[in-house]
C-alpha atoms as a PDB file:
ATOM      1  CA  UNK A   1       0.000   0.000   0.000  1.00  0.00           C
ATOM      2  CA  UNK A   2       1.352   3.385  -1.011  1.00  0.00           C
ATOM      3  CA  UNK A   3       0.452   6.448   1.003  1.00  0.00           C
ATOM      4  CA  UNK A   4       1.380   9.942  -0.113  1.00  0.00           C
ATOM      5  CA  UNK A   5       1.838  13.056   1.992  1.00  0.00           C
ATOM      6  CA  UNK A   6       2.318  16.405   0.286  1.00  0.00           C
ATOM      7  CA  UNK A   7       3.906  19.565   1.590  1.00  0.00           C
ATOM      8  CA  UNK A   8       5.389  22.813   0.377  1.00  0.00           C
ATOM      9  CA  UNK A   9       2.357  24.747  -0.774  1.00  0.00           C
ATOM     10  CA  UNK A  10       1.607  28.263   0.288  1.00  0.00           C
ATOM     11  CA  UNK A  11       1.015  31.832  -0.748  1.00  0.00           C
ATOM     12  CA  UNK A  12       3.645  33.247  -3.077  1.00  0.00           C
ATOM     13  CA  UNK A  13       4.044  36.130  -5.475  1.00  0.00           C
ATOM     14  CA  UNK A  14       4.221  35.896  -9.227  1.00  0.00           C
ATOM     15  CA  UNK A  15       7.763  35.167 -10.298  1.00  0.00           C
ATOM     16  CA  UNK A  16       8.641  33.358  -7.097  1.00  0.00           C
ATOM     17  CA  UNK A  17       9.861  29.802  -6.762  1.00  0.00           C
ATOM     18  CA  UNK A  18       8.729  27.041  -4.478  1.00  0.00           C
ATOM     19  CA  UNK A  19       9.148  23.318  -4.185  1.00  0.00           C
ATOM     20  CA  UNK A  20       6.415  20.843  -3.499  1.00  0.00           C
ATOM     21  CA  UNK A  21       7.316  17.552  -1.874  1.00  0.00           C
ATOM     22  CA  UNK A  22       5.482  14.269  -1.816  1.00  0.00           C
ATOM     23  CA  UNK A  23       6.663  11.701   0.678  1.00  0.00           C
ATOM     24  CA  UNK A  24       5.576   8.168  -0.090  1.00  0.00           C
ATOM     25  CA  UNK A  25       5.355   5.138   2.087  1.00  0.00           C
ATOM     26  CA  UNK A  26       5.966   1.660   0.796  1.00  0.00           C
ATOM     27  CA  UNK A  27       8.982  -0.340  -0.191  1.00  0.00           C
ATOM     28  CA  UNK A  28       8.243  -0.361  -3.931  1.00  0.00           C
ATOM     29  CA  UNK A  29       8.118   3.379  -4.479  1.00  0.00           C
ATOM     30  CA  UNK A  30      10.906   3.240  -7.019  1.00  0.00           C
ATOM     31  CA  UNK A  31       8.839   1.043  -9.334  1.00  0.00           C
ATOM     32  CA  UNK A  32       5.897   3.463  -9.543  1.00  0.00           C
ATOM     33  CA  UNK A  33       5.195   6.236 -11.972  1.00  0.00           C
ATOM     34  CA  UNK A  34       4.596   9.479 -10.108  1.00  0.00           C
ATOM     35  CA  UNK A  35       2.596  12.485 -11.160  1.00  0.00           C
ATOM     36  CA  UNK A  36       1.619  15.934 -10.019  1.00  0.00           C
ATOM     37  CA  UNK A  37      -1.907  17.051 -10.790  1.00  0.00           C
ATOM     38  CA  UNK A  38      -3.623  20.314 -10.075  1.00  0.00           C
ATOM     39  CA  UNK A  39      -7.158  21.556  -9.978  1.00  0.00           C
ATOM     40  CA  UNK A  40      -8.107  25.201 -10.006  1.00  0.00           C
ATOM     41  CA  UNK A  41     -11.563  26.511  -9.111  1.00  0.00           C
ATOM     42  CA  UNK A  42     -13.971  25.959 -11.971  1.00  0.00           C
ATOM     43  CA  UNK A  43     -11.498  23.894 -13.958  1.00  0.00           C
ATOM     44  CA  UNK A  44     -10.906  20.217 -14.538  1.00  0.00           C
ATOM     45  CA  UNK A  45      -8.074  18.375 -12.901  1.00  0.00           C
ATOM     46  CA  UNK A  46      -5.023  18.347 -15.114  1.00  0.00           C
ATOM     47  CA  UNK A  47      -1.743  16.510 -15.172  1.00  0.00           C
ATOM     48  CA  UNK A  48       1.053  18.979 -14.581  1.00  0.00           C
ATOM     49  CA  UNK A  49       4.081  16.727 -14.649  1.00  0.00           C
ATOM     50  CA  UNK A  50       4.933  13.066 -14.410  1.00  0.00           C
ATOM     51  CA  UNK A  51       8.022  10.969 -13.951  1.00  0.00           C
ATOM     52  CA  UNK A  52       8.234   7.279 -14.678  1.00  0.00           C
ATOM     53  CA  UNK A  53      10.079   4.682 -12.694  1.00  0.00           C
ATOM     54  CA  UNK A  54      12.766   4.922 -15.359  1.00  0.00           C
ATOM     55  CA  UNK A  55      13.147   8.663 -14.934  1.00  0.00           C
ATOM     56  CA  UNK A  56      11.374   9.833 -18.081  1.00  0.00           C
ATOM     57  CA  UNK A  57       9.421  13.036 -17.588  1.00  0.00           C
ATOM     58  CA  UNK A  58       6.355  14.699 -19.015  1.00  0.00           C
ATOM     59  CA  UNK A  59       5.184  18.275 -18.618  1.00  0.00           C
ATOM     60  CA  UNK A  60       2.056  20.088 -19.540  1.00  0.00           C
ATOM     61  CA  UNK A  61       2.797  22.747 -22.108  1.00  0.00           C
ATOM     62  CA  UNK A  62       1.699  25.440 -19.691  1.00  0.00           C
ATOM     63  CA  UNK A  63       4.495  24.620 -17.250  1.00  0.00           C
ATOM     64  CA  UNK A  64       7.256  23.300 -19.485  1.00  0.00           C
ATOM     65  CA  UNK A  65      10.423  25.239 -18.891  1.00  0.00           C
ATOM     66  CA  UNK A  66       9.230  26.513 -15.524  1.00  0.00           C
ATOM     67  CA  UNK A  67       8.498  23.381 -13.511  1.00  0.00           C
ATOM     68  CA  UNK A  68      10.733  20.392 -12.915  1.00  0.00           C
ATOM     69  CA  UNK A  69       9.660  17.053 -11.526  1.00  0.00           C
ATOM     70  CA  UNK A  70      12.216  14.832  -9.857  1.00  0.00           C
ATOM     71  CA  UNK A  71      12.365  11.898  -7.530  1.00  0.00           C
ATOM     72  CA  UNK A  72      14.683  10.718  -4.818  1.00  0.00           C
ATOM     73  CA  UNK A  73      14.056   7.029  -4.439  1.00  0.00           C
ATOM     74  CA  UNK A  74      16.334   6.790  -1.429  1.00  0.00           C
ATOM     75  CA  UNK A  75      14.011   9.193   0.374  1.00  0.00           C
ATOM     76  CA  UNK A  76      10.801   7.857  -1.184  1.00  0.00           C
ATOM     77  CA  UNK A  77      10.033  11.395  -2.253  1.00  0.00           C
ATOM     78  CA  UNK A  78       8.980  13.121  -5.447  1.00  0.00           C
ATOM     79  CA  UNK A  79       9.374  16.865  -5.925  1.00  0.00           C
ATOM     80  CA  UNK A  80       7.890  19.538  -8.086  1.00  0.00           C
ATOM     81  CA  UNK A  81      10.173  22.526  -8.412  1.00  0.00           C
ATOM     82  CA  UNK A  82       8.085  25.479  -9.486  1.00  0.00           C
ATOM     83  CA  UNK A  83       9.918  28.486 -10.878  1.00  0.00           C
ATOM     84  CA  UNK A  84       8.587  31.751 -12.234  1.00  0.00           C
ATOM     85  CA  UNK A  85       5.123  30.968 -10.970  1.00  0.00           C
ATOM     86  CA  UNK A  86       2.140  32.746 -12.435  1.00  0.00           C
ATOM     87  CA  UNK A  87      -1.279  33.560 -11.001  1.00  0.00           C
ATOM     88  CA  UNK A  88      -2.752  30.911 -13.280  1.00  0.00           C
ATOM     89  CA  UNK A  89      -0.686  28.327 -11.404  1.00  0.00           C
ATOM     90  CA  UNK A  90      -2.987  28.843  -8.447  1.00  0.00           C
ATOM     91  CA  UNK A  91      -4.573  25.494  -7.675  1.00  0.00           C
ATOM     92  CA  UNK A  92      -4.692  22.586  -5.316  1.00  0.00           C
ATOM     93  CA  UNK A  93      -1.786  20.336  -6.207  1.00  0.00           C
ATOM     94  CA  UNK A  94      -2.008  16.588  -5.763  1.00  0.00           C
ATOM     95  CA  UNK A  95       0.638  13.924  -5.857  1.00  0.00           C
ATOM     96  CA  UNK A  96      -0.356  10.607  -7.387  1.00  0.00           C
ATOM     97  CA  UNK A  97       1.185   7.223  -8.078  1.00  0.00           C
ATOM     98  CA  UNK A  98       0.503   4.334 -10.406  1.00  0.00           C
ATOM     99  CA  UNK A  99       2.165   0.930 -10.613  1.00  0.00           C
ATOM    100  CA  UNK A 100       2.802   1.038 -14.368  1.00  0.00           C
ATOM    101  CA  UNK A 101       2.322   3.182 -17.427  1.00  0.00           C
ATOM    102  CA  UNK A 102      -1.220   3.056 -18.725  1.00  0.00           C
ATOM    103  CA  UNK A 103      -2.720   2.158 -15.384  1.00  0.00           C
ATOM    104  CA  UNK A 104      -4.807   4.430 -13.216  1.00  0.00           C
ATOM    105  CA  UNK A 105      -3.237   6.716 -10.684  1.00  0.00           C
ATOM    106  CA  UNK A 106      -4.689   4.762  -7.809  1.00  0.00           C
ATOM    107  CA  UNK A 107      -2.818   6.405  -4.948  1.00  0.00           C
ATOM    108  CA  UNK A 108      -3.355  10.058  -4.113  1.00  0.00           C
ATOM    109  CA  UNK A 109      -2.194  12.553  -1.585  1.00  0.00           C
ATOM    110  CA  UNK A 110      -4.507  14.938   0.201  1.00  0.00           C
ATOM    111  CA  UNK A 111      -3.322  17.932  -1.760  1.00  0.00           C
ATOM    112  CA  UNK A 112      -1.482  21.138  -0.993  1.00  0.00           C
ATOM    113  CA  UNK A 113      -2.727  24.568  -1.948  1.00  0.00           C
ATOM    114  CA  UNK A 114      -0.592  26.898  -4.031  1.00  0.00           C
ATOM    115  CA  UNK A 115      -1.806  30.454  -4.359  1.00  0.00           C
ATOM    116  CA  UNK A 116       0.071  32.917  -6.542  1.00  0.00           C
ATOM    117  CA  UNK A 117      -0.628  36.603  -6.181  1.00  0.00           C
ATOM    118  CA  UNK A 118       0.094  39.087  -8.937  1.00  0.00           C
END
């Protein structure tokens, strides 16, 4: 069973940087694909970034070049480094995990709120 705990959200100004962390339990963390999702008020949940067990990454076009997803398997932690944040980045951010590509993200964190002021 994988359990995810997120941290690092908060209130920041446009142009600032912050790092979200997702600490995972479980001994097979390194074999899971990990993703960061976000949901803003009135909008659908969207995949922001993902990293596979092999280290391949994906980014939504809206964040490519600004956000970086990484993982530290020794610490069972995945990060989302957010640089040059924009007000439109304001959302609840969720960490998720899936056992293999193509499967559902069946493990979710509780979310951490990121609010970007202009």
